[in-house]
């Protein structure tokens, strides 16, 4: 489906980051940026639902072109 960037409030702990193995996490205080390729809309919905269930505030979701090394 595409490469996504998901910005969430706060710095996520290692345990929370490990809950999303398909994504890479980059802390950018006061936010954390999760990014990676998601296969379909169901995968995106699953990630967003999981974040919501954990009480993590989603700031922004963007579909972006993949990095040059993934093309």
Protein backbone atom coordinates (compact mmCIF):
# COMPACT_ATOMS: atom_id res chain seq x y z
CA UNK A 1 0.00 0.00 0.00
CA UNK A 2 2.71 2.50 0.88
CA UNK A 3 5.22 4.08 3.21
CA UNK A 4 3.70 5.87 6.19
CA UNK A 5 4.84 8.36 8.80
CA UNK A 6 2.85 8.38 12.04
CA UNK A 7 3.63 11.08 14.61
CA UNK A 8 2.51 10.45 18.18
CA UNK A 9 2.72 12.56 21.34
CA UNK A 10 5.50 11.80 23.78
CA UNK A 11 8.56 9.61 23.73
CA UNK A 12 7.61 5.95 23.49
CA UNK A 13 9.33 3.42 25.74
CA UNK A 14 11.31 0.56 24.24
CA UNK A 15 8.44 -1.82 25.13
CA UNK A 16 5.93 0.34 23.25
CA UNK A 17 8.24 0.66 20.25
CA UNK A 18 8.66 -3.12 20.17
CA UNK A 19 4.85 -3.44 19.97
CA UNK A 20 5.15 -2.18 16.37
CA UNK A 21 7.81 -4.41 14.77
CA UNK A 22 6.90 -3.38 11.22
CA UNK A 23 7.77 0.26 11.94
CA UNK A 24 10.94 2.16 12.79
CA UNK A 25 10.74 4.68 15.62
CA UNK A 26 12.65 7.95 15.80
CA UNK A 27 12.27 10.05 18.95
CA UNK A 28 11.83 13.74 18.11
CA UNK A 29 10.84 15.19 21.48
CA UNK A 30 8.15 15.96 22.38
CA UNK A 31 6.98 13.40 19.80
CA UNK A 32 7.93 10.02 18.42
CA UNK A 33 7.87 9.38 14.68
CA UNK A 34 6.96 5.86 13.57
CA UNK A 35 7.55 5.07 9.92
CA UNK A 36 7.63 2.14 7.57
CA UNK A 37 5.93 0.25 4.77
CA UNK A 38 2.43 -1.07 5.38
CA UNK A 39 0.99 -3.65 3.01
CA UNK A 40 -2.63 -2.56 3.01
CA UNK A 41 -5.29 -0.42 4.62
CA UNK A 42 -6.02 -3.13 7.17
CA UNK A 43 -2.41 -2.94 8.39
CA UNK A 44 -2.67 0.83 8.77
CA UNK A 45 -5.99 0.51 10.60
CA UNK A 46 -4.47 -2.12 12.90
CA UNK A 47 -1.54 0.13 13.82
CA UNK A 48 -3.82 3.12 14.47
CA UNK A 49 -6.21 0.98 16.53
CA UNK A 50 -3.33 -0.46 18.56
CA UNK A 51 -2.00 3.04 19.29
CA UNK A 52 -5.48 4.14 20.36
CA UNK A 53 -5.93 1.10 22.62
CA UNK A 54 -2.60 1.92 24.31
CA UNK A 55 -3.79 5.47 24.94
CA UNK A 56 -1.15 7.00 22.66
CA UNK A 57 -2.24 10.29 21.09
CA UNK A 58 -1.82 10.36 17.31
CA UNK A 59 -0.70 13.75 16.03
CA UNK A 60 -0.40 13.08 12.29
CA UNK A 61 -0.56 10.27 9.73
CA UNK A 62 1.01 10.77 6.30
CA UNK A 63 1.54 8.55 3.30
CA UNK A 64 4.91 9.49 1.83
CA UNK A 65 7.15 8.26 -0.99
CA UNK A 66 9.43 5.44 0.16
CA UNK A 67 13.04 6.33 1.01
CA UNK A 68 15.45 6.07 -1.91
CA UNK A 69 17.02 2.88 -0.50
CA UNK A 70 13.60 1.13 -0.57
CA UNK A 71 12.65 1.95 -4.15
